Amino acid sequence: MVFTESLKKNYQFRFVYNRGKSIANRHLVMYVVKNGKNFNRLGISVSKKVGISVVRSRVTRLIKESYRLTEENIKCGFDIVIIARNSCNGENFENIMKSFKHLLKKHSLLKEL
């Protein structure tokens, strides 16, 4: 991920949860808040309710890959937290990618081409 840093600390996630705007669909919940920088910061949260560690790891990889493939088309200057819902368990990449792009469009984060 060229233009992106990771959110790692609990206080960073809490700031996005408290100040950010959230939109959800069947598979994902996305919180977004402006960060005042010229790059994005991404945080991914997959709880134990989604499945065992192998499943959680796979869902995290699918979300990261979805972000990586659309990164060039995402506006800069935002903190983004993505939360996986239980329905992500067993889903394929295409469905996760569709859900991810849907949330980006809802938040108006995609650049105009």
PDB file of N, CA and C in Angstrom:
ATOM      1  N   MET A   1       0.844  -1.171   0.000  1.00  0.00           N
ATOM      2  CA  MET A   1       0.000   0.000   0.000  1.00  0.00           C
ATOM      3  C   MET A   1       0.893   1.239   0.000  1.00  0.00           C
ATOM      4  N   VAL A   2       0.928   1.891  -1.118  1.00  0.00           N
ATOM      5  CA  VAL A   2       1.873   2.974  -1.359  1.00  0.00           C
ATOM      6  C   VAL A   2       1.489   4.254  -0.632  1.00  0.00           C
ATOM      7  N   PHE A   3       0.219   4.636  -0.699  1.00  0.00           N
ATOM      8  CA  PHE A   3      -0.209   5.931  -0.187  1.00  0.00           C
ATOM      9  C   PHE A   3      -0.828   5.837   1.200  1.00  0.00           C
ATOM     10  N   THR A   4      -0.608   4.750   1.920  1.00  0.00           N
ATOM     11  CA  THR A   4      -1.383   4.491   3.119  1.00  0.00           C
ATOM     12  C   THR A   4      -0.508   4.018   4.270  1.00  0.00           C
ATOM     13  N   GLU A   5      -0.852   4.480   5.474  1.00  0.00           N
ATOM     14  CA  GLU A   5      -0.271   3.965   6.702  1.00  0.00           C
ATOM     15  C   GLU A   5      -1.336   3.154   7.415  1.00  0.00           C
ATOM     16  N   SER A   6      -0.929   2.413   8.431  1.00  0.00           N
ATOM     17  CA  SER A   6      -1.872   1.611   9.198  1.00  0.00           C
ATOM     18  C   SER A   6      -2.235   2.306  10.499  1.00  0.00           C
ATOM     19  N   LEU A   7      -3.479   2.135  10.901  1.00  0.00           N
ATOM     20  CA  LEU A   7      -3.893   2.517  12.252  1.00  0.00           C
ATOM     21  C   LEU A   7      -3.596   1.323  13.142  1.00  0.00           C
ATOM     22  N   LYS A   8      -2.832   1.534  14.209  1.00  0.00           N
ATOM     23  CA  LYS A   8      -2.435   0.411  15.047  1.00  0.00           C
ATOM     24  C   LYS A   8      -2.863   0.563  16.497  1.00  0.00           C
ATOM     25  N   LYS A   9      -2.872   1.781  16.986  1.00  0.00           N
ATOM     26  CA  LYS A   9      -3.138   2.009  18.402  1.00  0.00           C
ATOM     27  C   LYS A   9      -4.637   2.117  18.677  1.00  0.00           C
ATOM     28  N   ASN A  10      -5.006   1.713  19.880  1.00  0.00           N
ATOM     29  CA  ASN A  10      -6.404   1.729  20.289  1.00  0.00           C
ATOM     30  C   ASN A  10      -6.974   3.143  20.252  1.00  0.00           C
ATOM     31  N   TYR A  11      -6.204   4.139  20.680  1.00  0.00           N
ATOM     32  CA  TYR A  11      -6.716   5.506  20.693  1.00  0.00           C
ATOM     33  C   TYR A  11      -6.986   6.024  19.284  1.00  0.00           C
ATOM     34  N   GLN A  12      -6.234   5.549  18.290  1.00  0.00           N
ATOM     35  CA  GLN A  12      -6.489   5.951  16.911  1.00  0.00           C
ATOM     36  C   GLN A  12      -7.834   5.397  16.426  1.00  0.00           C
ATOM     37  N   PHE A  13      -8.100   4.131  16.730  1.00  0.00           N
ATOM     38  CA  PHE A  13      -9.376   3.520  16.368  1.00  0.00           C
ATOM     39  C   PHE A  13     -10.525   4.237  17.086  1.00  0.00           C
ATOM     40  N   ARG A  14     -10.365   4.502  18.386  1.00  0.00           N
ATOM     41  CA  ARG A  14     -11.419   5.160  19.148  1.00  0.00           C
ATOM     42  C   ARG A  14     -11.739   6.545  18.592  1.00  0.00           C
ATOM     43  N   PHE A  15     -10.692   7.284  18.164  1.00  0.00           N
ATOM     44  CA  PHE A  15     -10.912   8.609  17.589  1.00  0.00           C
ATOM     45  C   PHE A  15     -11.787   8.513  16.338  1.00  0.00           C
ATOM     46  N   VAL A  16     -11.498   7.540  15.480  1.00  0.00           N
ATOM     47  CA  VAL A  16     -12.277   7.368  14.246  1.00  0.00           C
ATOM     48  C   VAL A  16     -13.702   6.941  14.580  1.00  0.00           C
ATOM     49  N   TYR A  17     -13.864   6.045  15.566  1.00  0.00           N
ATOM     50  CA  TYR A  17     -15.202   5.609  15.950  1.00  0.00           C
ATOM     51  C   TYR A  17     -16.028   6.781  16.490  1.00  0.00           C
ATOM     52  N   ASN A  18     -15.403   7.636  17.310  1.00  0.00           N
ATOM     53  CA  ASN A  18     -16.139   8.724  17.961  1.00  0.00           C
ATOM     54  C   ASN A  18     -16.428   9.891  17.022  1.00  0.00           C
ATOM     55  N   ARG A  19     -15.485  10.231  16.159  1.00  0.00           N
ATOM     56  CA  ARG A  19     -15.623  11.411  15.314  1.00  0.00           C
ATOM     57  C   ARG A  19     -16.057  11.097  13.889  1.00  0.00           C
ATOM     58  N   GLY A  20     -15.879   9.866  13.476  1.00  0.00           N
ATOM     59  CA  GLY A  20     -16.126   9.529  12.083  1.00  0.00           C
ATOM     60  C   GLY A  20     -17.574   9.250  11.759  1.00  0.00           C
ATOM     61  N   LYS A  21     -17.839   9.205  10.479  1.00  0.00           N
ATOM     62  CA  LYS A  21     -19.168   8.872   9.969  1.00  0.00           C
ATOM     63  C   LYS A  21     -19.135   7.412   9.543  1.00  0.00           C
ATOM     64  N   SER A  22     -20.183   6.667   9.889  1.00  0.00           N
ATOM     65  CA  SER A  22     -20.194   5.243   9.547  1.00  0.00           C
ATOM     66  C   SER A  22     -21.313   4.931   8.570  1.00  0.00           C
ATOM     67  N   ILE A  23     -20.996   4.042   7.653  1.00  0.00           N
ATOM     68  CA  ILE A  23     -21.978   3.494   6.724  1.00  0.00           C
ATOM     69  C   ILE A  23     -21.701   2.000   6.656  1.00  0.00           C
ATOM     70  N   ALA A  24     -22.772   1.219   6.602  1.00  0.00           N
ATOM     71  CA  ALA A  24     -22.617  -0.234   6.623  1.00  0.00           C
ATOM     72  C   ALA A  24     -23.387  -0.870   5.473  1.00  0.00           C
ATOM     73  N   ASN A  25     -22.948  -2.054   5.104  1.00  0.00           N
ATOM     74  CA  ASN A  25     -23.713  -2.901   4.204  1.00  0.00           C
ATOM     75  C   ASN A  25     -23.670  -4.323   4.755  1.00  0.00           C
ATOM     76  N   ARG A  26     -23.989  -5.288   3.952  1.00  0.00           N
ATOM     77  CA  ARG A  26     -24.151  -6.657   4.437  1.00  0.00           C
ATOM     78  C   ARG A  26     -22.863  -7.246   5.015  1.00  0.00           C
ATOM     79  N   HIS A  27     -21.718  -6.927   4.418  1.00  0.00           N
ATOM     80  CA  HIS A  27     -20.466  -7.556   4.816  1.00  0.00           C
ATOM     81  C   HIS A  27     -19.550  -6.668   5.658  1.00  0.00           C
ATOM     82  N   LEU A  28     -19.590  -5.363   5.451  1.00  0.00           N
ATOM     83  CA  LEU A  28     -18.613  -4.471   6.078  1.00  0.00           C
ATOM     84  C   LEU A  28     -19.270  -3.240   6.686  1.00  0.00           C
ATOM     85  N   VAL A  29     -18.572  -2.651   7.648  1.00  0.00           N
ATOM     86  CA  VAL A  29     -18.919  -1.345   8.196  1.00  0.00           C
ATOM     87  C   VAL A  29     -17.687  -0.473   7.983  1.00  0.00           C
ATOM     88  N   MET A  30     -17.889   0.770   7.494  1.00  0.00           N
ATOM     89  CA  MET A  30     -16.762   1.652   7.244  1.00  0.00           C
ATOM     90  C   MET A  30     -16.954   2.970   7.981  1.00  0.00           C
ATOM     91  N   TYR A  31     -15.963   3.317   8.810  1.00  0.00           N
ATOM     92  CA  TYR A  31     -15.914   4.605   9.487  1.00  0.00           C
ATOM     93  C   TYR A  31     -14.874   5.461   8.784  1.00  0.00           C
ATOM     94  N   VAL A  32     -15.205   6.731   8.544  1.00  0.00           N
ATOM     95  CA  VAL A  32     -14.286   7.640   7.849  1.00  0.00           C
ATOM     96  C   VAL A  32     -14.277   8.981   8.567  1.00  0.00           C
ATOM     97  N   VAL A  33     -13.068   9.531   8.745  1.00  0.00           N
ATOM     98  CA  VAL A  33     -12.900  10.881   9.296  1.00  0.00           C
ATOM     99  C   VAL A  33     -11.682  11.508   8.614  1.00  0.00           C
ATOM    100  N   LYS A  34     -11.741  12.824   8.386  1.00  0.00           N
ATOM    101  CA  LYS A  34     -10.599  13.519   7.782  1.00  0.00           C
ATOM    102  C   LYS A  34      -9.446  13.549   8.778  1.00  0.00           C
ATOM    103  N   ASN A  35      -8.207  13.410   8.257  1.00  0.00           N
ATOM    104  CA  ASN A  35      -7.049  13.420   9.147  1.00  0.00           C
ATOM    105  C   ASN A  35      -6.138  14.624   8.934  1.00  0.00           C
ATOM    106  N   GLY A  36      -6.397  15.460   7.942  1.00  0.00           N
ATOM    107  CA  GLY A  36      -5.604  16.653   7.727  1.00  0.00           C
ATOM    108  C   GLY A  36      -4.214  16.405   7.160  1.00  0.00           C
ATOM    109  N   LYS A  37      -3.967  15.219   6.667  1.00  0.00           N
ATOM    110  CA  LYS A  37      -2.675  14.882   6.079  1.00  0.00           C
ATOM    111  C   LYS A  37      -2.873  14.614   4.589  1.00  0.00           C
ATOM    112  N   ASN A  38      -1.788  14.402   3.866  1.00  0.00           N
ATOM    113  CA  ASN A  38      -1.917  14.135   2.427  1.00  0.00           C
ATOM    114  C   ASN A  38      -1.809  12.644   2.120  1.00  0.00           C
ATOM    115  N   PHE A  39      -2.132  11.815   3.094  1.00  0.00           N
ATOM    116  CA  PHE A  39      -2.174  10.367   2.894  1.00  0.00           C
ATOM    117  C   PHE A  39      -3.302   9.787   3.737  1.00  0.00           C
ATOM    118  N   ASN A  40      -3.671   8.563   3.441  1.00  0.00           N
ATOM    119  CA  ASN A  40      -4.717   7.873   4.187  1.00  0.00           C
ATOM    120  C   ASN A  40      -4.100   6.981   5.247  1.00  0.00           C
ATOM    121  N   ARG A  41      -4.900   6.699   6.275  1.00  0.00           N
ATOM    122  CA  ARG A  41      -4.519   5.699   7.267  1.00  0.00           C
ATOM    123  C   ARG A  41      -5.657   4.691   7.337  1.00  0.00           C
ATOM    124  N   LEU A  42      -5.305   3.418   7.296  1.00  0.00           N
ATOM    125  CA  LEU A  42      -6.291   2.340   7.227  1.00  0.00           C
ATOM    126  C   LEU A  42      -6.198   1.454   8.455  1.00  0.00           C
ATOM    127  N   GLY A  43      -7.349   1.147   9.032  1.00  0.00           N
ATOM    128  CA  GLY A  43      -7.438   0.194  10.129  1.00  0.00           C
ATOM    129  C   GLY A  43      -8.480  -0.853   9.788  1.00  0.00           C
ATOM    130  N   ILE A  44      -8.167  -2.111  10.100  1.00  0.00           N
ATOM    131  CA  ILE A  44      -9.086  -3.216   9.824  1.00  0.00           C
ATOM    132  C   ILE A  44      -9.355  -3.944  11.129  1.00  0.00           C
ATOM    133  N   SER A  45     -10.629  -4.182  11.408  1.00  0.00           N
ATOM    134  CA  SER A  45     -11.024  -4.869  12.628  1.00  0.00           C
ATOM    135  C   SER A  45     -11.886  -6.080  12.266  1.00  0.00           C
ATOM    136  N   VAL A  46     -11.437  -7.251  12.697  1.00  0.00           N
ATOM    137  CA  VAL A  46     -12.189  -8.483  12.477  1.00  0.00           C
ATOM    138  C   VAL A  46     -12.289  -9.181  13.834  1.00  0.00           C
ATOM    139  N   SER A  47     -13.495  -9.237  14.397  1.00  0.00           N
ATOM    140  CA  SER A  47     -13.660  -9.779  15.744  1.00  0.00           C
ATOM    141  C   SER A  47     -13.711 -11.305  15.737  1.00  0.00           C
ATOM    142  N   LYS A  48     -13.642 -11.863  16.926  1.00  0.00           N
ATOM    143  CA  LYS A  48     -13.684 -13.319  17.068  1.00  0.00           C
ATOM    144  C   LYS A  48     -15.035 -13.902  16.675  1.00  0.00           C
ATOM    145  N   LYS A  49     -16.066 -13.057  16.617  1.00  0.00           N
ATOM    146  CA  LYS A  49     -17.385 -13.530  16.214  1.00  0.00           C
ATOM    147  C   LYS A  49     -17.403 -13.974  14.758  1.00  0.00           C
ATOM    148  N   VAL A  50     -16.463 -13.456  13.965  1.00  0.00           N
ATOM    149  CA  VAL A  50     -16.413 -13.805  12.542  1.00  0.00           C
ATOM    150  C   VAL A  50     -15.974 -15.246  12.349  1.00  0.00           C
ATOM    151  N   GLY A  51     -15.058 -15.721  13.186  1.00  0.00           N
ATOM    152  CA  GLY A  51     -14.616 -17.102  13.054  1.00  0.00           C
ATOM    153  C   GLY A  51     -13.297 -17.333  13.759  1.00  0.00           C
ATOM    154  N   ILE A  52     -12.737 -18.519  13.517  1.00  0.00           N
ATOM    155  CA  ILE A  52     -11.456 -18.863  14.121  1.00  0.00           C
ATOM    156  C   ILE A  52     -10.347 -18.041  13.469  1.00  0.00           C
ATOM    157  N   SER A  53      -9.152 -18.134  14.001  1.00  0.00           N
ATOM    158  CA  SER A  53      -8.065 -17.243  13.569  1.00  0.00           C
ATOM    159  C   SER A  53      -7.753 -17.364  12.082  1.00  0.00           C
ATOM    160  N   VAL A  54      -7.877 -18.553  11.523  1.00  0.00           N
ATOM    161  CA  VAL A  54      -7.610 -18.744  10.095  1.00  0.00           C
ATOM    162  C   VAL A  54      -8.619 -17.953   9.262  1.00  0.00           C
ATOM    163  N   VAL A  55      -9.869 -17.988   9.667  1.00  0.00           N
ATOM    164  CA  VAL A  55     -10.929 -17.270   8.953  1.00  0.00           C
ATOM    165  C   VAL A  55     -10.729 -15.773   9.093  1.00  0.00           C
ATOM    166  N   ARG A  56     -10.434 -15.309  10.313  1.00  0.00           N
ATOM    167  CA  ARG A  56     -10.218 -13.872  10.541  1.00  0.00           C
ATOM    168  C   ARG A  56      -9.045 -13.364   9.719  1.00  0.00           C
ATOM    169  N   SER A  57      -8.004 -14.156   9.656  1.00  0.00           N
ATOM    170  CA  SER A  57      -6.827 -13.778   8.884  1.00  0.00           C
ATOM    171  C   SER A  57      -7.155 -13.676   7.395  1.00  0.00           C
ATOM    172  N   ARG A  58      -7.931 -14.605   6.895  1.00  0.00           N
ATOM    173  CA  ARG A  58      -8.320 -14.602   5.481  1.00  0.00           C
ATOM    174  C   ARG A  58      -9.168 -13.379   5.159  1.00  0.00           C
ATOM    175  N   VAL A  59     -10.123 -13.069   6.030  1.00  0.00           N
ATOM    176  CA  VAL A  59     -10.984 -11.904   5.814  1.00  0.00           C
ATOM    177  C   VAL A  59     -10.143 -10.626   5.824  1.00  0.00           C
ATOM    178  N   THR A  60      -9.186 -10.543   6.739  1.00  0.00           N
ATOM    179  CA  THR A  60      -8.299  -9.380   6.780  1.00  0.00           C
ATOM    180  C   THR A  60      -7.520  -9.250   5.484  1.00  0.00           C
ATOM    181  N   ARG A  61      -6.998 -10.348   4.971  1.00  0.00           N
ATOM    182  CA  ARG A  61      -6.244 -10.319   3.716  1.00  0.00           C
ATOM    183  C   ARG A  61      -7.119  -9.894   2.550  1.00  0.00           C
ATOM    184  N   LEU A  62      -8.358 -10.364   2.517  1.00  0.00           N
ATOM    185  CA  LEU A  62      -9.277  -9.982   1.441  1.00  0.00           C
ATOM    186  C   LEU A  62      -9.580  -8.480   1.477  1.00  0.00           C
ATOM    187  N   ILE A  63      -9.775  -7.940   2.672  1.00  0.00           N
ATOM    188  CA  ILE A  63     -10.059  -6.509   2.799  1.00  0.00           C
ATOM    189  C   ILE A  63      -8.838  -5.696   2.391  1.00  0.00           C
ATOM    190  N   LYS A  64      -7.655  -6.109   2.833  1.00  0.00           N
ATOM    191  CA  LYS A  64      -6.426  -5.397   2.451  1.00  0.00           C
ATOM    192  C   LYS A  64      -6.215  -5.423   0.945  1.00  0.00           C
ATOM    193  N   GLU A  65      -6.474  -6.560   0.328  1.00  0.00           N
ATOM    194  CA  GLU A  65      -6.296  -6.669  -1.122  1.00  0.00           C
ATOM    195  C   GLU A  65      -7.314  -5.798  -1.854  1.00  0.00           C
ATOM    196  N   SER A  66      -8.540  -5.745  -1.357  1.00  0.00           N
ATOM    197  CA  SER A  66      -9.550  -4.866  -1.952  1.00  0.00           C
ATOM    198  C   SER A  66      -9.095  -3.418  -1.879  1.00  0.00           C
ATOM    199  N   TYR A  67      -8.562  -3.031  -0.737  1.00  0.00           N
ATOM    200  CA  TYR A  67      -8.075  -1.662  -0.590  1.00  0.00           C
ATOM    201  C   TYR A  67      -6.895  -1.417  -1.528  1.00  0.00           C
ATOM    202  N   ARG A  68      -5.957  -2.352  -1.585  1.00  0.00           N
ATOM    203  CA  ARG A  68      -4.760  -2.183  -2.402  1.00  0.00           C
ATOM    204  C   ARG A  68      -5.102  -1.986  -3.873  1.00  0.00           C
ATOM    205  N   LEU A  69      -6.074  -2.736  -4.363  1.00  0.00           N
ATOM    206  CA  LEU A  69      -6.439  -2.648  -5.775  1.00  0.00           C
ATOM    207  C   LEU A  69      -7.170  -1.347  -6.121  1.00  0.00           C
ATOM    208  N   THR A  70      -7.824  -0.728  -5.155  1.00  0.00           N
ATOM    209  CA  THR A  70      -8.556   0.510  -5.425  1.00  0.00           C
ATOM    210  C   THR A  70      -7.865   1.737  -4.846  1.00  0.00           C
ATOM    211  N   GLU A  71      -6.697   1.550  -4.267  1.00  0.00           N
ATOM    212  CA  GLU A  71      -6.002   2.632  -3.562  1.00  0.00           C
ATOM    213  C   GLU A  71      -5.749   3.853  -4.438  1.00  0.00           C
ATOM    214  N   GLU A  72      -5.404   3.657  -5.681  1.00  0.00           N
ATOM    215  CA  GLU A  72      -5.098   4.772  -6.572  1.00  0.00           C
ATOM    216  C   GLU A  72      -6.322   5.643  -6.840  1.00  0.00           C
ATOM    217  N   ASN A  73      -7.512   5.079  -6.693  1.00  0.00           N
ATOM    218  CA  ASN A  73      -8.752   5.808  -6.975  1.00  0.00           C
ATOM    219  C   ASN A  73      -9.412   6.389  -5.730  1.00  0.00           C
ATOM    220  N   ILE A  74      -8.760   6.275  -4.574  1.00  0.00           N
ATOM    221  CA  ILE A  74      -9.331   6.767  -3.322  1.00  0.00           C
ATOM    222  C   ILE A  74      -8.734   8.134  -3.006  1.00  0.00           C
ATOM    223  N   LYS A  75      -9.586   9.068  -2.615  1.00  0.00           N
ATOM    224  CA  LYS A  75      -9.125  10.405  -2.234  1.00  0.00           C
ATOM    225  C   LYS A  75      -8.216  10.301  -1.011  1.00  0.00           C
ATOM    226  N   CYS A  76      -7.261  11.236  -0.900  1.00  0.00           N
ATOM    227  CA  CYS A  76      -6.307  11.232   0.207  1.00  0.00           C
ATOM    228  C   CYS A  76      -6.777  12.147   1.335  1.00  0.00           C
ATOM    229  N   GLY A  77      -6.236  11.909   2.531  1.00  0.00           N
ATOM    230  CA  GLY A  77      -6.511  12.765   3.671  1.00  0.00           C
ATOM    231  C   GLY A  77      -7.565  12.230   4.612  1.00  0.00           C
ATOM    232  N   PHE A  78      -7.714  10.908   4.685  1.00  0.00           N
ATOM    233  CA  PHE A  78      -8.757  10.314   5.525  1.00  0.00           C
ATOM    234  C   PHE A  78      -8.196   9.191   6.392  1.00  0.00           C
ATOM    235  N   ASP A  79      -8.789   9.037   7.571  1.00  0.00           N
ATOM    236  CA  ASP A  79      -8.593   7.843   8.390  1.00  0.00           C
ATOM    237  C   ASP A  79      -9.786   6.945   8.126  1.00  0.00           C
ATOM    238  N   ILE A  80      -9.516   5.700   7.766  1.00  0.00           N
ATOM    239  CA  ILE A  80     -10.572   4.754   7.402  1.00  0.00           C
ATOM    240  C   ILE A  80     -10.452   3.525   8.285  1.00  0.00           C
ATOM    241  N   VAL A  81     -11.544   3.159   8.931  1.00  0.00           N
ATOM    242  CA  VAL A  81     -11.590   1.910   9.699  1.00  0.00           C
ATOM    243  C   VAL A  81     -12.658   1.024   9.077  1.00  0.00           C
ATOM    244  N   ILE A  82     -12.282  -0.214   8.780  1.00  0.00           N
ATOM    245  CA  ILE A  82     -13.204  -1.175   8.185  1.00  0.00           C
ATOM    246  C   ILE A  82     -13.422  -2.299   9.191  1.00  0.00           C
ATOM    247  N   ILE A  83     -14.679  -2.567   9.478  1.00  0.00           N
ATOM    248  CA  ILE A  83     -15.048  -3.635  10.401  1.00  0.00           C
ATOM    249  C   ILE A  83     -15.750  -4.721   9.618  1.00  0.00           C
ATOM    250  N   ALA A  84     -15.270  -5.946   9.765  1.00  0.00           N
ATOM    251  CA  ALA A  84     -15.884  -7.082   9.076  1.00  0.00           C
ATOM    252  C   ALA A  84     -17.051  -7.608   9.902  1.00  0.00           C
ATOM    253  N   ARG A  85     -18.144  -7.898   9.228  1.00  0.00           N
ATOM    254  CA  ARG A  85     -19.303  -8.489   9.893  1.00  0.00           C
ATOM    255  C   ARG A  85     -19.251 -10.005   9.784  1.00  0.00           C
ATOM    256  N   ASN A  86     -20.117 -10.675  10.543  1.00  0.00           N
ATOM    257  CA  ASN A  86     -20.140 -12.144  10.554  1.00  0.00           C
ATOM    258  C   ASN A  86     -20.369 -12.741   9.175  1.00  0.00           C
ATOM    259  N   SER A  87     -21.084 -12.034   8.328  1.00  0.00           N
ATOM    260  CA  SER A  87     -21.398 -12.565   7.002  1.00  0.00           C
ATOM    261  C   SER A  87     -20.175 -12.658   6.097  1.00  0.00           C
ATOM    262  N   CYS A  88     -19.050 -12.088   6.499  1.00  0.00           N
ATOM    263  CA  CYS A  88     -17.805 -12.202   5.714  1.00  0.00           C
ATOM    264  C   CYS A  88     -17.254 -13.619   5.750  1.00  0.00           C
ATOM    265  N   ASN A  89     -17.623 -14.359   6.767  1.00  0.00           N
ATOM    266  CA  ASN A  89     -17.120 -15.722   6.910  1.00  0.00           C
ATOM    267  C   ASN A  89     -17.565 -16.563   5.713  1.00  0.00           C
ATOM    268  N   GLY A  90     -16.603 -17.075   4.957  1.00  0.00           N
ATOM    269  CA  GLY A  90     -16.899 -17.933   3.820  1.00  0.00           C
ATOM    270  C   GLY A  90     -17.180 -17.205   2.521  1.00  0.00           C
ATOM    271  N   GLU A  91     -17.119 -15.890   2.529  1.00  0.00           N
ATOM    272  CA  GLU A  91     -17.380 -15.134   1.299  1.00  0.00           C
ATOM    273  C   GLU A  91     -16.157 -15.138   0.392  1.00  0.00           C
ATOM    274  N   ASN A  92     -16.407 -14.982  -0.903  1.00  0.00           N
ATOM    275  CA  ASN A  92     -15.291 -14.941  -1.848  1.00  0.00           C
ATOM    276  C   ASN A  92     -14.831 -13.499  -2.049  1.00  0.00           C
ATOM    277  N   PHE A  93     -13.723 -13.344  -2.764  1.00  0.00           N
ATOM    278  CA  PHE A  93     -13.101 -12.039  -2.940  1.00  0.00           C
ATOM    279  C   PHE A  93     -14.007 -11.069  -3.688  1.00  0.00           C
ATOM    280  N   GLU A  94     -14.726 -11.542  -4.692  1.00  0.00           N
ATOM    281  CA  GLU A  94     -15.565 -10.656  -5.495  1.00  0.00           C
ATOM    282  C   GLU A  94     -16.636  -9.972  -4.646  1.00  0.00           C
ATOM    283  N   ASN A  95     -17.250 -10.727  -3.741  1.00  0.00           N
ATOM    284  CA  ASN A  95     -18.296 -10.150  -2.889  1.00  0.00           C
ATOM    285  C   ASN A  95     -17.730  -9.120  -1.916  1.00  0.00           C
ATOM    286  N   ILE A  96     -16.558  -9.418  -1.348  1.00  0.00           N
ATOM    287  CA  ILE A  96     -15.922  -8.470  -0.430  1.00  0.00           C
ATOM    288  C   ILE A  96     -15.539  -7.200  -1.186  1.00  0.00           C
ATOM    289  N   MET A  97     -15.005  -7.371  -2.395  1.00  0.00           N
ATOM    290  CA  MET A  97     -14.597  -6.226  -3.213  1.00  0.00           C
ATOM    291  C   MET A  97     -15.806  -5.354  -3.563  1.00  0.00           C
ATOM    292  N   LYS A  98     -16.925  -5.985  -3.933  1.00  0.00           N
ATOM    293  CA  LYS A  98     -18.141  -5.233  -4.252  1.00  0.00           C
ATOM    294  C   LYS A  98     -18.630  -4.440  -3.040  1.00  0.00           C
ATOM    295  N   SER A  99     -18.625  -5.079  -1.881  1.00  0.00           N
ATOM    296  CA  SER A  99     -19.060  -4.400  -0.655  1.00  0.00           C
ATOM    297  C   SER A  99     -18.149  -3.229  -0.329  1.00  0.00           C
ATOM    298  N   PHE A 100     -16.854  -3.431  -0.505  1.00  0.00           N
ATOM    299  CA  PHE A 100     -15.882  -2.381  -0.215  1.00  0.00           C
ATOM    300  C   PHE A 100     -16.076  -1.181  -1.141  1.00  0.00           C
ATOM    301  N   LYS A 101     -16.216  -1.432  -2.434  1.00  0.00           N
ATOM    302  CA  LYS A 101     -16.415  -0.344  -3.394  1.00  0.00           C
ATOM    303  C   LYS A 101     -17.743   0.374  -3.144  1.00  0.00           C
ATOM    304  N   HIS A 102     -18.766  -0.379  -2.767  1.00  0.00           N
ATOM    305  CA  HIS A 102     -20.063   0.216  -2.460  1.00  0.00           C
ATOM    306  C   HIS A 102     -19.939   1.222  -1.322  1.00  0.00           C
ATOM    307  N   LEU A 103     -19.192   0.856  -0.274  1.00  0.00           N
ATOM    308  CA  LEU A 103     -19.028   1.764   0.858  1.00  0.00           C
ATOM    309  C   LEU A 103     -18.188   2.982   0.485  1.00  0.00           C
ATOM    310  N   LEU A 104     -17.184   2.787  -0.364  1.00  0.00           N
ATOM    311  CA  LEU A 104     -16.390   3.929  -0.825  1.00  0.00           C
ATOM    312  C   LEU A 104     -17.258   4.923  -1.593  1.00  0.00           C
ATOM    313  N   LYS A 105     -18.144   4.407  -2.440  1.00  0.00           N
ATOM    314  CA  LYS A 105     -19.045   5.285  -3.192  1.00  0.00           C
ATOM    315  C   LYS A 105     -19.993   6.016  -2.258  1.00  0.00           C
ATOM    316  N   LYS A 106     -20.508   5.331  -1.250  1.00  0.00           N
ATOM    317  CA  LYS A 106     -21.431   5.950  -0.298  1.00  0.00           C
ATOM    318  C   LYS A 106     -20.762   7.076   0.488  1.00  0.00           C
ATOM    319  N   HIS A 107     -19.476   6.894   0.807  1.00  0.00           N
ATOM    320  CA  HIS A 107     -18.718   7.925   1.528  1.00  0.00           C
ATOM    321  C   HIS A 107     -18.147   8.989   0.612  1.00  0.00           C
ATOM    322  N   SER A 108     -18.338   8.839  -0.688  1.00  0.00           N
ATOM    323  CA  SER A 108     -17.798   9.758  -1.711  1.00  0.00           C
ATOM    324  C   SER A 108     -16.281   9.853  -1.638  1.00  0.00           C
ATOM    325  N   LEU A 109     -15.620   8.715  -1.493  1.00  0.00           N
ATOM    326  CA  LEU A 109     -14.171   8.677  -1.388  1.00  0.00           C
ATOM    327  C   LEU A 109     -13.486   8.333  -2.706  1.00  0.00           C
ATOM    328  N   LEU A 110     -14.240   7.966  -3.716  1.00  0.00           N
ATOM    329  CA  LEU A 110     -13.626   7.632  -4.995  1.00  0.00           C
ATOM    330  C   LEU A 110     -13.369   8.896  -5.799  1.00  0.00           C
ATOM    331  N   LYS A 111     -12.176   8.966  -6.396  1.00  0.00           N
ATOM    332  CA  LYS A 111     -11.827  10.113  -7.244  1.00  0.00           C
ATOM    333  C   LYS A 111     -12.648  10.063  -8.514  1.00  0.00           C
ATOM    334  N   GLU A 112     -12.929  11.245  -9.054  1.00  0.00           N
ATOM    335  CA  GLU A 112     -13.623  11.332 -10.340  1.00  0.00           C
ATOM    336  C   GLU A 112     -12.637  10.998 -11.439  1.00  0.00           C
ATOM    337  N   LEU A 113     -13.044  10.163 -12.359  1.00  0.00           N
ATOM    338  CA  LEU A 113     -12.139   9.760 -13.445  1.00  0.00           C
ATOM    339  C   LEU A 113     -12.288  10.641 -14.659  1.00  0.00           C
TER     340      LEU A 113
END
